[in-house]
């Protein structure tokens, strides 16, 4: 699901890029749309210096939480490091069943907010649900403690918006490498895509990126997701694609994304993300066993975080 998350981030980046290049009147309209939805975006962001500040640190860590329709359980949890110098994104996907224990300090704070948090362990996707309106903040804290990192920004994403975005840009042309057939009634998932070059609409695109029944398992699945991301980037980087659907794309983006990143910050990052390509994105999974709950391996996790986030190679 990291690819779906990247679609939202990249789409948002290009929306902000196009918005920033518009005449001041139309730019203010965009800012007003954001302001009505997110309190952290204010009219002060539309001053004369708004689009001239490009202060982006060399590395930024962000977390992405893909939530269900009720915006309760976080079924997709990804932590990534954006390297401005190398223009790369290194990411770690955290299985939703990962076992965690919330600190006594955090539990006590949440009890003061009227949240009942069990003293024992839990699956990490339950943290978002149990904390309610504080879910993004305390899930971020939980991940920071587990990985020993600092998260600069979070993005809470409703994954249903993925279908809308792909449909709005007129679909994505893909040379599907193999016949894809899979059925899982428990997830309401039915995949049936034939091999060959074709334009995938939103529904078929979602089926394509969720398909995982390959001979080489996740290795081929990641490659197929990169294939889609490359095709999507090619389509979305056309300014005509954004301009012809700008108001609708802004609406979908705002309806499906909640973030602590301001519009001003987003524009600064967008100027770098516009040059992103699929081969600059590394996708890894939190090391651990295959049980439920999923228990991560601390030593392997530390090595992976050091390598991906801090450029520290493991000892030979």
C-alpha atoms as a PDB file:
ATOM      1  CA  UNK A   1       0.000   0.000   0.000  1.00  0.00           C
ATOM      2  CA  UNK A   2       2.968   2.369   0.139  1.00  0.00           C
ATOM      3  CA  UNK A   3       2.410   3.096  -3.545  1.00  0.00           C
ATOM      4  CA  UNK A   4      -1.092   4.403  -2.847  1.00  0.00           C
ATOM      5  CA  UNK A   5       0.392   6.644  -0.183  1.00  0.00           C
ATOM      6  CA  UNK A   6       3.014   7.947  -2.624  1.00  0.00           C
ATOM      7  CA  UNK A   7       0.246   8.744  -5.128  1.00  0.00           C
ATOM      8  CA  UNK A   8      -1.341  11.068  -2.573  1.00  0.00           C
ATOM      9  CA  UNK A   9       1.928  12.750  -1.644  1.00  0.00           C
ATOM     10  CA  UNK A  10       3.004  13.259  -5.247  1.00  0.00           C
ATOM     11  CA  UNK A  11      -0.451  14.464  -6.307  1.00  0.00           C
ATOM     12  CA  UNK A  12      -0.529  16.917  -3.418  1.00  0.00           C
ATOM     13  CA  UNK A  13       2.939  18.145  -4.328  1.00  0.00           C
ATOM     14  CA  UNK A  14       1.952  18.900  -7.899  1.00  0.00           C
ATOM     15  CA  UNK A  15      -1.277  20.573  -6.825  1.00  0.00           C
ATOM     16  CA  UNK A  16       0.773  22.934  -4.676  1.00  0.00           C
ATOM     17  CA  UNK A  17       3.294  23.519  -7.486  1.00  0.00           C
ATOM     18  CA  UNK A  18       0.609  24.471  -9.984  1.00  0.00           C
ATOM     19  CA  UNK A  19      -1.227  26.557  -7.379  1.00  0.00           C
ATOM     20  CA  UNK A  20       1.979  28.454  -6.610  1.00  0.00           C
ATOM     21  CA  UNK A  21       2.489  29.352 -10.276  1.00  0.00           C
ATOM     22  CA  UNK A  22      -0.964  30.842 -10.721  1.00  0.00           C
ATOM     23  CA  UNK A  23      -1.784  34.550 -10.647  1.00  0.00           C
ATOM     24  CA  UNK A  24      -2.363  35.854  -7.121  1.00  0.00           C
ATOM     25  CA  UNK A  25      -6.147  35.824  -7.401  1.00  0.00           C
ATOM     26  CA  UNK A  26      -6.401  32.140  -8.280  1.00  0.00           C
ATOM     27  CA  UNK A  27      -3.663  31.291  -5.775  1.00  0.00           C
ATOM     28  CA  UNK A  28      -5.670  32.876  -2.974  1.00  0.00           C
ATOM     29  CA  UNK A  29      -8.674  30.772  -3.955  1.00  0.00           C
ATOM     30  CA  UNK A  30      -6.580  27.633  -3.486  1.00  0.00           C
ATOM     31  CA  UNK A  31      -5.302  28.822  -0.133  1.00  0.00           C
ATOM     32  CA  UNK A  32      -8.844  29.636   0.964  1.00  0.00           C
ATOM     33  CA  UNK A  33      -9.957  26.121   0.056  1.00  0.00           C
ATOM     34  CA  UNK A  34      -7.216  24.668   2.219  1.00  0.00           C
ATOM     35  CA  UNK A  35      -7.933  27.104   5.028  1.00  0.00           C
ATOM     36  CA  UNK A  36     -11.547  26.017   5.316  1.00  0.00           C
ATOM     37  CA  UNK A  37     -10.514  22.418   5.812  1.00  0.00           C
ATOM     38  CA  UNK A  38      -7.334  22.614   7.913  1.00  0.00           C
ATOM     39  CA  UNK A  39      -6.846  25.030  10.793  1.00  0.00           C
ATOM     40  CA  UNK A  40      -3.059  25.022  10.424  1.00  0.00           C
ATOM     41  CA  UNK A  41      -3.363  26.772   7.046  1.00  0.00           C
ATOM     42  CA  UNK A  42      -4.213  30.445   7.562  1.00  0.00           C
ATOM     43  CA  UNK A  43      -4.561  33.604   5.515  1.00  0.00           C
ATOM     44  CA  UNK A  44      -1.063  34.577   6.699  1.00  0.00           C
ATOM     45  CA  UNK A  45       0.268  31.921   4.335  1.00  0.00           C
ATOM     46  CA  UNK A  46      -0.795  33.997   1.349  1.00  0.00           C
ATOM     47  CA  UNK A  47       1.494  36.977   1.994  1.00  0.00           C
ATOM     48  CA  UNK A  48       3.983  38.182  -0.618  1.00  0.00           C
ATOM     49  CA  UNK A  49       6.827  36.012   0.669  1.00  0.00           C
ATOM     50  CA  UNK A  50       4.734  32.858   0.806  1.00  0.00           C
ATOM     51  CA  UNK A  51       6.173  31.177  -2.273  1.00  0.00           C
ATOM     52  CA  UNK A  52       9.779  32.404  -1.926  1.00  0.00           C
ATOM     53  CA  UNK A  53      10.878  30.527   1.200  1.00  0.00           C
ATOM     54  CA  UNK A  54      12.596  27.258   0.297  1.00  0.00           C
ATOM     55  CA  UNK A  55      14.056  26.298   3.685  1.00  0.00           C
ATOM     56  CA  UNK A  56      13.949  22.499   3.570  1.00  0.00           C
ATOM     57  CA  UNK A  57      16.307  20.500   5.832  1.00  0.00           C
ATOM     58  CA  UNK A  58      18.654  17.957   4.276  1.00  0.00           C
ATOM     59  CA  UNK A  59      16.541  15.136   5.743  1.00  0.00           C
ATOM     60  CA  UNK A  60      12.915  14.991   6.780  1.00  0.00           C
ATOM     61  CA  UNK A  61      11.097  12.085   8.412  1.00  0.00           C
ATOM     62  CA  UNK A  62       7.395  11.715   7.776  1.00  0.00           C
ATOM     63  CA  UNK A  63       4.819   9.107   8.729  1.00  0.00           C
ATOM     64  CA  UNK A  64       1.821   8.039   6.682  1.00  0.00           C
ATOM     65  CA  UNK A  65      -1.269   6.437   8.174  1.00  0.00           C
ATOM     66  CA  UNK A  66      -3.754   4.851   5.792  1.00  0.00           C
ATOM     67  CA  UNK A  67      -7.073   4.655   7.606  1.00  0.00           C
ATOM     68  CA  UNK A  68     -10.278   2.765   7.009  1.00  0.00           C
ATOM     69  CA  UNK A  69     -13.578   4.370   6.082  1.00  0.00           C
ATOM     70  CA  UNK A  70     -14.357   5.174   9.719  1.00  0.00           C
ATOM     71  CA  UNK A  71     -10.914   6.833  10.116  1.00  0.00           C
ATOM     72  CA  UNK A  72     -10.322   4.620  13.148  1.00  0.00           C
ATOM     73  CA  UNK A  73      -7.932   1.727  12.535  1.00  0.00           C
ATOM     74  CA  UNK A  74      -4.693   2.575  10.731  1.00  0.00           C
ATOM     75  CA  UNK A  75      -4.317  -0.394   8.392  1.00  0.00           C
ATOM     76  CA  UNK A  76      -1.327   1.135   6.591  1.00  0.00           C
ATOM     77  CA  UNK A  77       1.594   2.561   8.587  1.00  0.00           C
ATOM     78  CA  UNK A  78       4.688   3.801   6.770  1.00  0.00           C
ATOM     79  CA  UNK A  79       7.635   5.822   8.025  1.00  0.00           C
ATOM     80  CA  UNK A  80       9.927   7.414   5.464  1.00  0.00           C
ATOM     81  CA  UNK A  81      12.976   9.629   5.245  1.00  0.00           C
ATOM     82  CA  UNK A  82      13.187  12.219   2.472  1.00  0.00           C
ATOM     83  CA  UNK A  83      16.756  13.150   1.532  1.00  0.00           C
ATOM     84  CA  UNK A  84      16.727  16.578  -0.132  1.00  0.00           C
ATOM     85  CA  UNK A  85      20.335  16.310  -1.329  1.00  0.00           C
ATOM     86  CA  UNK A  86      19.975  12.900  -2.990  1.00  0.00           C
ATOM     87  CA  UNK A  87      16.279  13.468  -3.770  1.00  0.00           C
ATOM     88  CA  UNK A  88      15.413   9.998  -2.483  1.00  0.00           C
ATOM     89  CA  UNK A  89      12.767   8.511  -0.210  1.00  0.00           C
ATOM     90  CA  UNK A  90      13.644   5.522   1.985  1.00  0.00           C
ATOM     91  CA  UNK A  91      10.654   3.943   3.682  1.00  0.00           C
ATOM     92  CA  UNK A  92       9.791   1.263   6.228  1.00  0.00           C
ATOM     93  CA  UNK A  93       6.342  -0.303   6.222  1.00  0.00           C
ATOM     94  CA  UNK A  94       5.150  -1.300   9.708  1.00  0.00           C
ATOM     95  CA  UNK A  95       2.737  -4.265   9.737  1.00  0.00           C
ATOM     96  CA  UNK A  96      -0.563  -3.306  11.299  1.00  0.00           C
ATOM     97  CA  UNK A  97      -0.386  -6.275  13.702  1.00  0.00           C
ATOM     98  CA  UNK A  98       2.969  -5.178  15.185  1.00  0.00           C
ATOM     99  CA  UNK A  99       2.973  -5.644  18.966  1.00  0.00           C
ATOM    100  CA  UNK A 100       3.582  -2.484  21.008  1.00  0.00           C
ATOM    101  CA  UNK A 101       3.253  -1.350  24.607  1.00  0.00           C
ATOM    102  CA  UNK A 102       2.359   2.267  25.314  1.00  0.00           C
ATOM    103  CA  UNK A 103       4.454   4.059  27.923  1.00  0.00           C
ATOM    104  CA  UNK A 104       2.918   4.865  31.311  1.00  0.00           C
ATOM    105  CA  UNK A 105       3.424   8.589  30.599  1.00  0.00           C
ATOM    106  CA  UNK A 106       1.425   8.477  27.392  1.00  0.00           C
ATOM    107  CA  UNK A 107      -1.310   6.337  28.939  1.00  0.00           C
ATOM    108  CA  UNK A 108      -1.665   8.793  31.816  1.00  0.00           C
ATOM    109  CA  UNK A 109      -1.886  11.776  29.464  1.00  0.00           C
ATOM    110  CA  UNK A 110      -4.582  10.065  27.439  1.00  0.00           C
ATOM    111  CA  UNK A 111      -6.571   9.171  30.541  1.00  0.00           C
ATOM    112  CA  UNK A 112      -6.633  12.891  31.360  1.00  0.00           C
ATOM    113  CA  UNK A 113      -8.174  13.389  27.917  1.00  0.00           C
ATOM    114  CA  UNK A 114     -10.819  10.800  28.744  1.00  0.00           C
ATOM    115  CA  UNK A 115      -9.289   7.950  26.742  1.00  0.00           C
ATOM    116  CA  UNK A 116      -9.164   4.469  28.275  1.00  0.00           C
ATOM    117  CA  UNK A 117      -5.893   2.849  27.266  1.00  0.00           C
ATOM    118  CA  UNK A 118      -5.168  -0.742  28.403  1.00  0.00           C
ATOM    119  CA  UNK A 119      -2.002  -1.210  30.455  1.00  0.00           C
ATOM    120  CA  UNK A 120      -0.908  -4.277  28.487  1.00  0.00           C
ATOM    121  CA  UNK A 121       0.304  -4.556  24.918  1.00  0.00           C
ATOM    122  CA  UNK A 122      -1.731  -4.079  21.752  1.00  0.00           C
ATOM    123  CA  UNK A 123      -1.484  -4.167  17.988  1.00  0.00           C
ATOM    124  CA  UNK A 124      -0.091  -0.905  16.674  1.00  0.00           C
ATOM    125  CA  UNK A 125      -3.071  -0.199  14.413  1.00  0.00           C
ATOM    126  CA  UNK A 126      -5.258  -0.032  17.529  1.00  0.00           C
ATOM    127  CA  UNK A 127      -3.311   2.953  18.897  1.00  0.00           C
ATOM    128  CA  UNK A 128      -4.903   5.298  16.369  1.00  0.00           C
ATOM    129  CA  UNK A 129      -8.370   4.020  17.205  1.00  0.00           C
ATOM    130  CA  UNK A 130      -8.013   4.073  21.005  1.00  0.00           C
ATOM    131  CA  UNK A 131      -6.638   7.613  21.018  1.00  0.00           C
ATOM    132  CA  UNK A 132      -9.480   9.018  18.945  1.00  0.00           C
ATOM    133  CA  UNK A 133      -8.864  12.628  17.913  1.00  0.00           C
ATOM    134  CA  UNK A 134      -5.328  12.332  19.323  1.00  0.00           C
ATOM    135  CA  UNK A 135      -4.612   9.242  17.236  1.00  0.00           C
ATOM    136  CA  UNK A 136      -2.079  10.754  14.838  1.00  0.00           C
ATOM    137  CA  UNK A 137      -0.075  12.394  17.622  1.00  0.00           C
ATOM    138  CA  UNK A 138       0.182   9.335  19.867  1.00  0.00           C
ATOM    139  CA  UNK A 139       0.699   6.857  17.048  1.00  0.00           C
ATOM    140  CA  UNK A 140       3.598   9.054  15.949  1.00  0.00           C
ATOM    141  CA  UNK A 141       4.983   9.000  19.480  1.00  0.00           C
ATOM    142  CA  UNK A 142       4.698   5.213  19.587  1.00  0.00           C
ATOM    143  CA  UNK A 143       6.666   4.868  16.354  1.00  0.00           C
ATOM    144  CA  UNK A 144       9.286   7.370  17.504  1.00  0.00           C
ATOM    145  CA  UNK A 145       9.899   5.299  20.642  1.00  0.00           C
ATOM    146  CA  UNK A 146      10.020   2.030  18.721  1.00  0.00           C
ATOM    147  CA  UNK A 147      12.407   3.222  15.986  1.00  0.00           C
ATOM    148  CA  UNK A 148      14.296   5.850  18.023  1.00  0.00           C
ATOM    149  CA  UNK A 149      13.609   8.598  15.482  1.00  0.00           C
ATOM    150  CA  UNK A 150      11.823  11.953  15.335  1.00  0.00           C
ATOM    151  CA  UNK A 151       8.829  12.330  13.009  1.00  0.00           C
ATOM    152  CA  UNK A 152       8.550  15.798  11.475  1.00  0.00           C
ATOM    153  CA  UNK A 153       5.220  15.417   9.698  1.00  0.00           C
ATOM    154  CA  UNK A 154       2.359  12.951   9.518  1.00  0.00           C
ATOM    155  CA  UNK A 155      -0.205  12.333   6.780  1.00  0.00           C
ATOM    156  CA  UNK A 156      -3.464  10.579   7.615  1.00  0.00           C
ATOM    157  CA  UNK A 157      -4.867   9.267   4.347  1.00  0.00           C
ATOM    158  CA  UNK A 158      -8.234   7.763   3.475  1.00  0.00           C
ATOM    159  CA  UNK A 159      -7.216   5.178   0.883  1.00  0.00           C
ATOM    160  CA  UNK A 160     -10.571   5.315  -0.915  1.00  0.00           C
ATOM    161  CA  UNK A 161      -9.444   8.595  -2.468  1.00  0.00           C
ATOM    162  CA  UNK A 162      -6.861   6.725  -4.552  1.00  0.00           C
ATOM    163  CA  UNK A 163      -9.559   5.527  -6.957  1.00  0.00           C
ATOM    164  CA  UNK A 164     -10.903   9.078  -7.338  1.00  0.00           C
ATOM    165  CA  UNK A 165      -7.478  10.535  -8.137  1.00  0.00           C
ATOM    166  CA  UNK A 166      -6.691   7.966 -10.835  1.00  0.00           C
ATOM    167  CA  UNK A 167     -10.099   8.457 -12.429  1.00  0.00           C
ATOM    168  CA  UNK A 168      -9.737  12.251 -12.374  1.00  0.00           C
ATOM    169  CA  UNK A 169      -6.493  12.183 -14.369  1.00  0.00           C
ATOM    170  CA  UNK A 170      -8.050   9.877 -16.958  1.00  0.00           C
ATOM    171  CA  UNK A 171      -6.479   6.615 -15.798  1.00  0.00           C
ATOM    172  CA  UNK A 172      -2.894   5.381 -16.059  1.00  0.00           C
ATOM    173  CA  UNK A 173      -1.453   3.456 -19.010  1.00  0.00           C
ATOM    174  CA  UNK A 174       0.393   0.299 -17.938  1.00  0.00           C
ATOM    175  CA  UNK A 175       1.888  -2.697 -19.715  1.00  0.00           C
ATOM    176  CA  UNK A 176       0.573  -5.314 -17.289  1.00  0.00           C
ATOM    177  CA  UNK A 177       3.329  -7.966 -17.022  1.00  0.00           C
ATOM    178  CA  UNK A 178       1.095 -10.974 -16.276  1.00  0.00           C
ATOM    179  CA  UNK A 179      -2.516 -12.072 -15.908  1.00  0.00           C
ATOM    180  CA  UNK A 180      -3.727 -11.042 -12.455  1.00  0.00           C
ATOM    181  CA  UNK A 181      -6.523 -13.027 -10.867  1.00  0.00           C
ATOM    182  CA  UNK A 182      -7.243 -13.167  -7.140  1.00  0.00           C
ATOM    183  CA  UNK A 183     -10.272 -13.302  -4.886  1.00  0.00           C
ATOM    184  CA  UNK A 184     -10.591 -12.598  -1.153  1.00  0.00           C
ATOM    185  CA  UNK A 185     -14.219 -12.094  -0.031  1.00  0.00           C
ATOM    186  CA  UNK A 186     -13.101 -11.221   3.530  1.00  0.00           C
ATOM    187  CA  UNK A 187     -11.440  -8.058   2.144  1.00  0.00           C
ATOM    188  CA  UNK A 188     -14.079  -7.503  -0.548  1.00  0.00           C
ATOM    189  CA  UNK A 189     -11.188  -7.884  -2.982  1.00  0.00           C
ATOM    190  CA  UNK A 190     -11.705  -9.296  -6.481  1.00  0.00           C
ATOM    191  CA  UNK A 191      -8.870  -8.860  -8.979  1.00  0.00           C
ATOM    192  CA  UNK A 192      -9.135  -9.738 -12.658  1.00  0.00           C
ATOM    193  CA  UNK A 193      -6.715  -7.939 -14.998  1.00  0.00           C
ATOM    194  CA  UNK A 194      -5.419  -9.372 -18.261  1.00  0.00           C
ATOM    195  CA  UNK A 195      -1.797  -9.171 -19.363  1.00  0.00           C
ATOM    196  CA  UNK A 196      -0.853  -6.452 -21.861  1.00  0.00           C
ATOM    197  CA  UNK A 197      -0.773  -2.676 -22.388  1.00  0.00           C
ATOM    198  CA  UNK A 198      -3.929  -0.928 -21.260  1.00  0.00           C
ATOM    199  CA  UNK A 199      -5.233   2.130 -19.419  1.00  0.00           C
ATOM    200  CA  UNK A 200      -6.290   1.296 -15.871  1.00  0.00           C
ATOM    201  CA  UNK A 201      -9.107   3.277 -14.299  1.00  0.00           C
ATOM    202  CA  UNK A 202      -9.206   3.890 -10.542  1.00  0.00           C
ATOM    203  CA  UNK A 203     -10.767   0.551  -9.635  1.00  0.00           C
ATOM    204  CA  UNK A 204      -8.408  -1.488 -11.835  1.00  0.00           C
ATOM    205  CA  UNK A 205      -5.421   0.565 -10.640  1.00  0.00           C
ATOM    206  CA  UNK A 206      -6.230  -0.304  -7.049  1.00  0.00           C
ATOM    207  CA  UNK A 207      -6.481  -3.979  -8.020  1.00  0.00           C
ATOM    208  CA  UNK A 208      -3.120  -3.757  -9.802  1.00  0.00           C
ATOM    209  CA  UNK A 209      -1.203  -2.313  -6.827  1.00  0.00           C
ATOM    210  CA  UNK A 210      -2.847  -4.723  -4.353  1.00  0.00           C
ATOM    211  CA  UNK A 211      -2.090  -7.873  -6.333  1.00  0.00           C
ATOM    212  CA  UNK A 212       0.596  -9.975  -4.659  1.00  0.00           C
ATOM    213  CA  UNK A 213       0.324 -13.525  -6.042  1.00  0.00           C
ATOM    214  CA  UNK A 214       3.635 -13.537  -7.858  1.00  0.00           C
ATOM    215  CA  UNK A 215       6.127 -16.383  -8.159  1.00  0.00           C
ATOM    216  CA  UNK A 216       8.734 -14.308  -6.331  1.00  0.00           C
ATOM    217  CA  UNK A 217       6.236 -12.853  -3.887  1.00  0.00           C
ATOM    218  CA  UNK A 218       6.937  -9.381  -2.535  1.00  0.00           C
ATOM    219  CA  UNK A 219       9.952  -8.858  -4.793  1.00  0.00           C
ATOM    220  CA  UNK A 220       7.759  -8.902  -7.908  1.00  0.00           C
ATOM    221  CA  UNK A 221       4.947  -7.042  -6.144  1.00  0.00           C
ATOM    222  CA  UNK A 222       7.281  -4.138  -5.313  1.00  0.00           C
ATOM    223  CA  UNK A 223       8.524  -4.095  -8.917  1.00  0.00           C
ATOM    224  CA  UNK A 224       4.972  -3.950 -10.264  1.00  0.00           C
ATOM    225  CA  UNK A 225       4.140  -1.135  -7.840  1.00  0.00           C
ATOM    226  CA  UNK A 226       7.204   0.795  -9.016  1.00  0.00           C
ATOM    227  CA  UNK A 227       6.032   0.238 -12.582  1.00  0.00           C
ATOM    228  CA  UNK A 228       2.711   1.845 -11.738  1.00  0.00           C
ATOM    229  CA  UNK A 229       4.342   4.701  -9.841  1.00  0.00           C
ATOM    230  CA  UNK A 230       6.576   5.490 -12.821  1.00  0.00           C
ATOM    231  CA  UNK A 231       3.553   5.573 -15.162  1.00  0.00           C
ATOM    232  CA  UNK A 232       1.602   7.704 -12.704  1.00  0.00           C
ATOM    233  CA  UNK A 233       4.490  10.162 -12.343  1.00  0.00           C
ATOM    234  CA  UNK A 234       4.698  10.485 -16.115  1.00  0.00           C
ATOM    235  CA  UNK A 235       0.986  11.323 -16.296  1.00  0.00           C
ATOM    236  CA  UNK A 236       0.826  13.640 -13.312  1.00  0.00           C
ATOM    237  CA  UNK A 237       3.929  15.660 -14.248  1.00  0.00           C
ATOM    238  CA  UNK A 238       2.050  17.082 -17.190  1.00  0.00           C
ATOM    239  CA  UNK A 239       0.800  20.462 -15.993  1.00  0.00           C
ATOM    240  CA  UNK A 240      -2.190  20.083 -18.337  1.00  0.00           C
ATOM    241  CA  UNK A 241      -3.273  17.008 -16.354  1.00  0.00           C
ATOM    242  CA  UNK A 242      -3.332  19.005 -13.118  1.00  0.00           C
ATOM    243  CA  UNK A 243      -4.737  22.238 -14.568  1.00  0.00           C
ATOM    244  CA  UNK A 244      -7.666  20.528 -16.248  1.00  0.00           C
ATOM    245  CA  UNK A 245      -8.682  18.853 -12.976  1.00  0.00           C
ATOM    246  CA  UNK A 246      -7.294  21.280 -10.384  1.00  0.00           C
ATOM    247  CA  UNK A 247     -10.426  22.045  -8.355  1.00  0.00           C
ATOM    248  CA  UNK A 248     -11.511  18.395  -8.285  1.00  0.00           C
ATOM    249  CA  UNK A 249      -8.016  17.181  -7.329  1.00  0.00           C
ATOM    250  CA  UNK A 250      -7.793  19.736  -4.523  1.00  0.00           C
ATOM    251  CA  UNK A 251     -11.184  18.574  -3.257  1.00  0.00           C
ATOM    252  CA  UNK A 252     -10.175  14.889  -3.307  1.00  0.00           C
ATOM    253  CA  UNK A 253      -6.826  15.647  -1.689  1.00  0.00           C
ATOM    254  CA  UNK A 254      -8.389  17.673   1.147  1.00  0.00           C
ATOM    255  CA  UNK A 255     -11.226  15.205   1.683  1.00  0.00           C
ATOM    256  CA  UNK A 256      -8.814  12.305   2.039  1.00  0.00           C
ATOM    257  CA  UNK A 257      -5.696  13.778   3.674  1.00  0.00           C
ATOM    258  CA  UNK A 258      -5.215  15.189   7.172  1.00  0.00           C
ATOM    259  CA  UNK A 259      -1.734  16.488   8.001  1.00  0.00           C
ATOM    260  CA  UNK A 260       0.211  18.703  10.389  1.00  0.00           C
ATOM    261  CA  UNK A 261       2.171  20.100   7.417  1.00  0.00           C
ATOM    262  CA  UNK A 262       1.246  23.664   6.509  1.00  0.00           C
ATOM    263  CA  UNK A 263       0.530  24.753   2.955  1.00  0.00           C
ATOM    264  CA  UNK A 264       3.689  26.866   3.025  1.00  0.00           C
ATOM    265  CA  UNK A 265       5.822  23.854   3.991  1.00  0.00           C
ATOM    266  CA  UNK A 266       4.114  21.717   1.357  1.00  0.00           C
ATOM    267  CA  UNK A 267       5.013  24.156  -1.409  1.00  0.00           C
ATOM    268  CA  UNK A 268       8.663  24.153  -0.298  1.00  0.00           C
ATOM    269  CA  UNK A 269       8.826  20.351  -0.459  1.00  0.00           C
ATOM    270  CA  UNK A 270       6.849  20.180  -3.678  1.00  0.00           C
ATOM    271  CA  UNK A 271       9.669  21.842  -5.612  1.00  0.00           C
ATOM    272  CA  UNK A 272      11.843  18.824  -4.787  1.00  0.00           C
ATOM    273  CA  UNK A 273       9.232  16.087  -5.081  1.00  0.00           C
ATOM    274  CA  UNK A 274       8.380  17.166  -8.632  1.00  0.00           C
ATOM    275  CA  UNK A 275      11.694  15.580  -9.716  1.00  0.00           C
ATOM    276  CA  UNK A 276      10.993  12.294  -7.907  1.00  0.00           C
ATOM    277  CA  UNK A 277      11.106   9.036  -9.877  1.00  0.00           C
ATOM    278  CA  UNK A 278      10.261   5.457  -8.958  1.00  0.00           C
ATOM    279  CA  UNK A 279      13.912   4.354  -8.883  1.00  0.00           C
ATOM    280  CA  UNK A 280      14.580   6.897  -6.129  1.00  0.00           C
ATOM    281  CA  UNK A 281      12.130   5.260  -3.733  1.00  0.00           C
ATOM    282  CA  UNK A 282      13.257   2.367  -1.501  1.00  0.00           C
ATOM    283  CA  UNK A 283      10.544   0.312   0.205  1.00  0.00           C
ATOM    284  CA  UNK A 284      11.370  -2.009   3.112  1.00  0.00           C
ATOM    285  CA  UNK A 285       9.338  -3.805   5.795  1.00  0.00           C
ATOM    286  CA  UNK A 286       9.906  -3.762   9.555  1.00  0.00           C
ATOM    287  CA  UNK A 287      11.940  -6.916  10.343  1.00  0.00           C
ATOM    288  CA  UNK A 288      10.061  -9.425  12.478  1.00  0.00           C
ATOM    289  CA  UNK A 289       8.410 -12.815  12.763  1.00  0.00           C
ATOM    290  CA  UNK A 290       5.391 -13.975  10.786  1.00  0.00           C
ATOM    291  CA  UNK A 291       3.123 -14.393  13.782  1.00  0.00           C
ATOM    292  CA  UNK A 292       0.097 -12.444  14.967  1.00  0.00           C
ATOM    293  CA  UNK A 293       0.704 -10.185  16.784  1.00  0.00           C
ATOM    294  CA  UNK A 294       3.815  -9.355  14.759  1.00  0.00           C
ATOM    295  CA  UNK A 295       6.885  -8.954  16.950  1.00  0.00           C
ATOM    296  CA  UNK A 296       9.677  -6.943  15.389  1.00  0.00           C
ATOM    297  CA  UNK A 297      13.351  -7.865  15.711  1.00  0.00           C
ATOM    298  CA  UNK A 298      15.019  -5.026  17.605  1.00  0.00           C
ATOM    299  CA  UNK A 299      18.591  -5.517  16.362  1.00  0.00           C
ATOM    300  CA  UNK A 300      17.601  -5.901  12.714  1.00  0.00           C
ATOM    301  CA  UNK A 301      15.230  -2.953  13.039  1.00  0.00           C
ATOM    302  CA  UNK A 302      17.977  -0.749  14.468  1.00  0.00           C
ATOM    303  CA  UNK A 303      20.308  -1.672  11.611  1.00  0.00           C
ATOM    304  CA  UNK A 304      17.638  -0.989   8.988  1.00  0.00           C
ATOM    305  CA  UNK A 305      16.727   2.398  10.482  1.00  0.00           C
ATOM    306  CA  UNK A 306      20.396   3.385  10.713  1.00  0.00           C
ATOM    307  CA  UNK A 307      20.928   2.455   7.066  1.00  0.00           C
ATOM    308  CA  UNK A 308      17.815   4.037   5.579  1.00  0.00           C
ATOM    309  CA  UNK A 309      17.437   7.112   7.775  1.00  0.00           C
ATOM    310  CA  UNK A 310      20.981   7.933   8.893  1.00  0.00           C
ATOM    311  CA  UNK A 311      23.174   6.484   6.102  1.00  0.00           C
ATOM    312  CA  UNK A 312      24.954   4.197   8.576  1.00  0.00           C
ATOM    313  CA  UNK A 313      25.870   0.878   6.965  1.00  0.00           C
ATOM    314  CA  UNK A 314      25.755  -2.208   9.236  1.00  0.00           C
ATOM    315  CA  UNK A 315      29.091  -3.629  10.353  1.00  0.00           C
ATOM    316  CA  UNK A 316      30.486  -6.389   8.156  1.00  0.00           C
END
